[in-house]
Amino acid sequence: MKRVMLVVAYDGSACHGWQLQPGKRTVESELNQALSGLLKEDIQVIGASRTDSGVHALCNVAVFDTDSRIPGEKFSYALNQRLPEDIRIQSSRETAPDFHPRHCNSRKTYEYRILNREFPLPTKRLYAYFTYVPLDVEKMRRAAEFLVGEHDFASFCSASSSARSTVRTIYSLTVEKEGDEIVIQVCGSGFLYNMVRIIAGTLMEAGSGSRRPEDMKAVLEAKNRGAAGPTAPACGLTLVGYEFL
């Protein structure tokens, strides 16, 4: 028996998230089906980040166990012939038998893209959130500064979360303008359920002027989901970096 690690990229538009759900198409279900068919074994992958419906990824990580003699690095080629076009393996390799992608120190980086212009662009509709409301990037940057470091992010966590602790560390949080797009990039040790999308929604409030940048300190201190802004739509979110420490 050996454990193989996959680096998986996917367009999440047509999937109901990563995690298995009865009767629904998910990234995990597609991987399990492709691997089980290839290996003639009952394969159940373990994913590092259980992204939501509509969220994309360039580099999510999954592992699985198999008795197969196929070299670890060859799985990427074999699987990409079986997977649908919106899911592709970027690399594969054998890893330690006890390696678990959710039980190790790591840095995750997410990007949230906002299309900020007068009219929407059809080609961006699945990969950026559109708003015609003018957003002040400098105000968004000032608001973001309050969130860097180790904090209790209870205000930025979905009420349905079952996390035992809401303390997390954000290593960096930047807001940049790229033409008509505003890109929020956040790197952290881990994230609570909907945390990045709630951060994005709250930063947009700061950018629109409906919330002062300095209010972010009080939002953190409140430790109450009602103190933060709305959960931004899933389409703008992509997992862009995953580093094991």
Protein backbone atom coordinates (compact mmCIF):
# COMPACT_ATOMS: atom_id res chain seq x y z
CA MET A 1 0.00 0.00 0.00
CA LYS A 2 1.29 3.44 -0.87
CA ARG A 3 -0.05 7.00 -0.57
CA VAL A 4 -0.09 9.26 -3.62
CA MET A 5 -0.47 13.05 -3.57
CA LEU A 6 -2.26 14.93 -6.36
CA VAL A 7 -2.16 18.65 -7.11
CA VAL A 8 -5.56 19.43 -8.64
CA ALA A 9 -6.75 22.44 -10.66
CA TYR A 10 -10.42 22.95 -11.43
CA ASP A 11 -13.05 25.37 -12.64
CA GLY A 12 -15.66 25.10 -9.91
CA SER A 13 -18.51 26.66 -11.88
CA ALA A 14 -20.30 23.38 -12.62
CA CYS A 15 -19.44 21.59 -9.37
CA HIS A 16 -21.19 21.64 -6.00
CA GLY A 17 -17.89 22.28 -4.27
CA TRP A 18 -15.12 19.85 -3.40
CA GLN A 19 -16.74 17.60 -0.80
CA LEU A 20 -18.89 14.57 -1.55
CA GLN A 21 -22.63 15.26 -1.58
CA PRO A 22 -25.26 12.60 -2.35
CA GLY A 23 -26.53 12.90 -5.91
CA LYS A 24 -24.43 15.96 -6.73
CA ARG A 25 -21.37 16.46 -8.90
CA THR A 26 -18.34 17.49 -6.85
CA VAL A 27 -14.61 17.56 -7.48
CA GLU A 28 -14.09 14.80 -4.92
CA SER A 29 -16.71 12.56 -6.55
CA GLU A 30 -15.11 13.01 -9.98
CA LEU A 31 -11.66 12.12 -8.63
CA ASN A 32 -12.99 9.06 -6.77
CA GLN A 33 -14.78 7.84 -9.88
CA ALA A 34 -11.77 8.34 -12.17
CA LEU A 35 -9.34 6.68 -9.75
CA SER A 36 -11.63 3.75 -8.93
CA GLY A 37 -12.15 3.10 -12.63
CA LEU A 38 -8.44 3.32 -13.37
CA LEU A 39 -7.26 1.14 -10.48
CA LYS A 40 -10.23 -1.21 -10.05
CA GLU A 41 -10.14 -0.37 -6.35
CA ASP A 42 -12.54 1.58 -4.14
CA ILE A 43 -10.62 4.87 -3.91
CA GLN A 44 -11.63 7.72 -1.61
CA VAL A 45 -9.42 10.80 -1.82
CA ILE A 46 -8.69 13.13 1.11
CA GLY A 47 -8.65 16.80 0.11
CA ALA A 48 -6.66 19.61 1.70
CA SER A 49 -9.15 22.42 1.11
CA ARG A 50 -12.88 21.72 0.87
CA THR A 51 -13.80 24.58 -1.41
CA ASP A 52 -17.43 25.65 -1.80
CA SER A 53 -19.72 25.43 -4.81
CA GLY A 54 -18.51 27.75 -7.57
CA VAL A 55 -15.03 28.27 -6.09
CA HIS A 56 -12.03 27.57 -8.32
CA ALA A 57 -8.54 26.20 -7.63
CA LEU A 58 -5.16 26.13 -9.32
CA CYS A 59 -3.48 23.89 -6.79
CA ASN A 60 -5.71 22.06 -4.34
CA VAL A 61 -4.10 18.95 -2.84
CA ALA A 62 -5.52 15.46 -2.39
CA VAL A 63 -4.10 12.10 -1.33
CA PHE A 64 -5.26 8.52 -1.76
CA ASP A 65 -4.03 5.03 -0.88
CA THR A 66 -3.58 2.27 -3.43
CA ASP A 67 -2.00 -1.13 -3.98
CA SER A 68 -1.23 -0.19 -7.59
CA ARG A 69 2.30 -0.50 -8.95
CA ILE A 70 1.83 2.59 -11.15
CA PRO A 71 4.61 5.06 -10.27
CA GLY A 72 3.30 8.07 -8.35
CA GLU A 73 4.38 10.58 -10.98
CA LYS A 74 2.44 8.75 -13.72
CA PHE A 75 -1.00 9.17 -12.14
CA SER A 76 -1.33 12.74 -13.45
CA TYR A 77 -1.12 11.50 -17.05
CA ALA A 78 -3.48 8.56 -16.54
CA LEU A 79 -6.10 10.57 -14.66
CA ASN A 80 -6.17 13.49 -17.07
CA GLN A 81 -7.37 11.10 -19.78
CA ARG A 82 -10.33 10.11 -17.58
CA LEU A 83 -11.33 13.36 -15.88
CA PRO A 84 -13.72 15.96 -17.35
CA GLU A 85 -12.19 19.05 -18.93
CA ASP A 86 -12.92 21.31 -15.94
CA ILE A 87 -10.71 19.20 -13.64
CA ARG A 88 -7.02 18.56 -14.35
CA ILE A 89 -4.18 17.04 -12.31
CA GLN A 90 -1.13 19.32 -12.33
CA SER A 91 1.28 16.87 -10.73
CA SER A 92 1.34 13.60 -8.77
CA ARG A 93 3.90 11.84 -6.62
CA GLU A 94 4.22 9.22 -3.91
CA THR A 95 4.29 10.69 -0.42
CA ALA A 96 4.76 9.46 3.15
CA PRO A 97 2.15 6.85 4.21
CA ASP A 98 1.04 9.02 7.16
CA PHE A 99 0.90 12.33 5.28
CA HIS A 100 -2.48 14.02 5.74
CA PRO A 101 -3.01 17.32 3.87
CA ARG A 102 -5.31 18.79 6.54
CA HIS A 103 -3.18 17.79 9.53
CA CYS A 104 0.07 19.58 8.73
CA ASN A 105 1.40 23.12 8.81
CA SER A 106 0.77 24.95 5.57
CA ARG A 107 0.24 28.31 3.92
CA LYS A 108 -2.79 28.77 1.69
CA THR A 109 -3.21 31.70 -0.67
CA TYR A 110 -6.56 32.75 -2.09
CA GLU A 111 -7.42 35.44 -4.60
CA TYR A 112 -10.76 37.20 -4.79
CA ARG A 113 -11.40 39.09 -8.04
CA ILE A 114 -13.87 41.95 -8.43
CA LEU A 115 -14.82 43.36 -11.83
CA ASN A 116 -15.42 47.03 -11.05
CA ARG A 117 -16.77 48.86 -14.10
CA GLU A 118 -19.99 50.31 -15.51
CA PHE A 119 -21.16 47.12 -17.25
CA PRO A 120 -20.38 43.41 -16.74
CA LEU A 121 -18.28 41.35 -19.15
CA PRO A 122 -19.77 37.95 -20.05
CA THR A 123 -16.33 36.32 -20.22
CA LYS A 124 -15.62 37.31 -16.60
CA ARG A 125 -18.95 36.25 -15.09
CA LEU A 126 -17.70 32.90 -13.76
CA TYR A 127 -14.35 34.14 -12.44
CA ALA A 128 -14.95 37.59 -10.92
CA TYR A 129 -17.72 39.27 -8.95
CA PHE A 130 -19.16 42.24 -10.83
CA THR A 131 -20.15 45.52 -9.18
CA TYR A 132 -20.72 48.89 -10.83
CA VAL A 133 -20.39 50.67 -7.45
CA PRO A 134 -17.03 52.53 -7.53
CA LEU A 135 -14.57 51.02 -5.03
CA ASP A 136 -11.71 52.99 -3.49
CA VAL A 137 -8.73 50.61 -3.51
CA GLU A 138 -6.75 52.72 -1.04
CA LYS A 139 -9.56 52.52 1.55
CA MET A 140 -9.73 48.76 1.01
CA ARG A 141 -5.98 48.51 1.62
CA ARG A 142 -6.22 50.49 4.86
CA ALA A 143 -9.05 48.26 6.06
CA ALA A 144 -7.08 45.12 5.14
CA GLU A 145 -4.15 46.14 7.34
CA PHE A 146 -6.21 45.54 10.49
CA LEU A 147 -6.66 41.86 9.61
CA VAL A 148 -3.00 40.89 9.19
CA GLY A 149 -1.58 38.79 12.03
CA GLU A 150 -3.08 36.34 14.52
CA HIS A 151 -6.65 37.21 15.50
CA ASP A 152 -9.92 35.67 16.53
CA PHE A 153 -11.82 35.76 13.22
CA ALA A 154 -15.21 34.76 14.66
CA SER A 155 -16.77 37.80 12.94
CA PHE A 156 -15.51 36.48 9.60
CA CYS A 157 -16.80 32.94 9.99
CA SER A 158 -20.09 31.53 8.74
CA ALA A 159 -22.57 30.86 11.54
CA SER A 160 -22.84 27.24 10.36
CA SER A 161 -19.14 26.55 10.96
CA SER A 162 -18.21 23.76 13.39
CA ALA A 163 -14.61 24.94 13.93
CA ARG A 164 -13.32 24.32 17.45
CA SER A 165 -11.28 27.52 17.38
CA THR A 166 -11.80 30.69 15.35
CA VAL A 167 -8.24 31.95 15.87
CA ARG A 168 -6.29 32.10 12.62
CA THR A 169 -3.15 33.82 11.29
CA ILE A 170 -3.10 35.93 8.15
CA TYR A 171 0.44 36.43 6.86
CA SER A 172 -0.43 38.92 4.15
CA LEU A 173 -3.52 40.62 2.74
CA THR A 174 -3.13 42.82 -0.33
CA VAL A 175 -5.52 44.75 -2.57
CA GLU A 176 -4.34 45.60 -6.09
CA LYS A 177 -5.93 47.16 -9.17
CA GLU A 178 -5.47 45.36 -12.50
CA GLY A 179 -7.29 47.33 -15.17
CA ASP A 180 -11.01 46.98 -14.43
CA GLU A 181 -10.36 44.28 -11.81
CA ILE A 182 -9.57 44.60 -8.12
CA VAL A 183 -7.65 41.61 -6.78
CA ILE A 184 -7.70 40.77 -3.08
CA GLN A 185 -4.98 38.25 -2.21
CA VAL A 186 -4.84 36.68 1.25
CA CYS A 187 -2.25 34.23 2.57
CA GLY A 188 -2.79 32.46 5.87
CA SER A 189 -2.19 29.37 7.97
CA GLY A 190 -5.76 28.26 7.39
CA PHE A 191 -9.22 29.71 6.91
CA LEU A 192 -12.61 29.36 8.53
CA TYR A 193 -15.76 28.50 6.59
CA ASN A 194 -16.47 31.39 4.17
CA MET A 195 -13.77 33.49 5.86
CA VAL A 196 -12.13 34.81 2.67
CA ARG A 197 -15.47 35.63 1.05
CA ILE A 198 -16.62 37.49 4.18
CA ILE A 199 -13.33 39.41 4.25
CA ALA A 200 -13.88 40.33 0.59
CA GLY A 201 -17.45 41.45 1.26
CA THR A 202 -16.35 43.59 4.21
CA LEU A 203 -13.45 45.16 2.29
CA MET A 204 -15.87 46.07 -0.50
CA GLU A 205 -17.97 47.92 2.05
CA ALA A 206 -14.88 49.89 3.05
CA GLY A 207 -14.14 50.57 -0.61
CA SER A 208 -17.67 51.81 -1.32
CA GLY A 209 -17.63 54.16 1.66
CA SER A 210 -20.39 52.38 3.58
CA ARG A 211 -17.87 51.36 6.25
CA ARG A 212 -14.77 53.23 7.49
CA PRO A 213 -11.46 51.36 7.14
CA GLU A 214 -10.75 51.82 10.85
CA ASP A 215 -14.04 50.05 11.68
CA MET A 216 -12.27 46.75 10.93
CA LYS A 217 -10.72 46.80 14.40
CA ALA A 218 -14.16 46.89 16.03
CA VAL A 219 -15.42 44.16 13.68
CA LEU A 220 -12.63 41.85 14.85
CA GLU A 221 -13.22 42.69 18.51
CA ALA A 222 -16.95 42.01 18.23
CA LYS A 223 -16.37 38.29 17.49
CA ASN A 224 -19.85 38.27 16.00
CA ARG A 225 -20.73 37.36 12.39
CA GLY A 226 -23.29 40.16 12.32
CA ALA A 227 -20.57 42.79 12.73
CA ALA A 228 -18.88 42.00 9.40
CA GLY A 229 -20.06 42.57 5.85
CA PRO A 230 -21.85 40.17 3.47
CA THR A 231 -20.39 36.94 2.14
CA ALA A 232 -19.11 37.76 -1.35
CA PRO A 233 -20.28 35.41 -4.14
CA ALA A 234 -18.22 32.27 -4.74
CA CYS A 235 -17.38 32.95 -8.41
CA GLY A 236 -14.65 35.47 -7.59
CA LEU A 237 -12.65 33.11 -5.37
CA THR A 238 -9.71 30.94 -6.45
CA LEU A 239 -7.21 28.93 -4.42
CA VAL A 240 -3.94 30.02 -6.06
CA GLY A 241 -1.23 28.79 -3.70
CA TYR A 242 -0.59 25.90 -1.31
CA GLU A 243 2.70 25.47 0.51
CA PHE A 244 3.51 22.81 3.11
CA LEU A 245 5.89 24.02 5.83
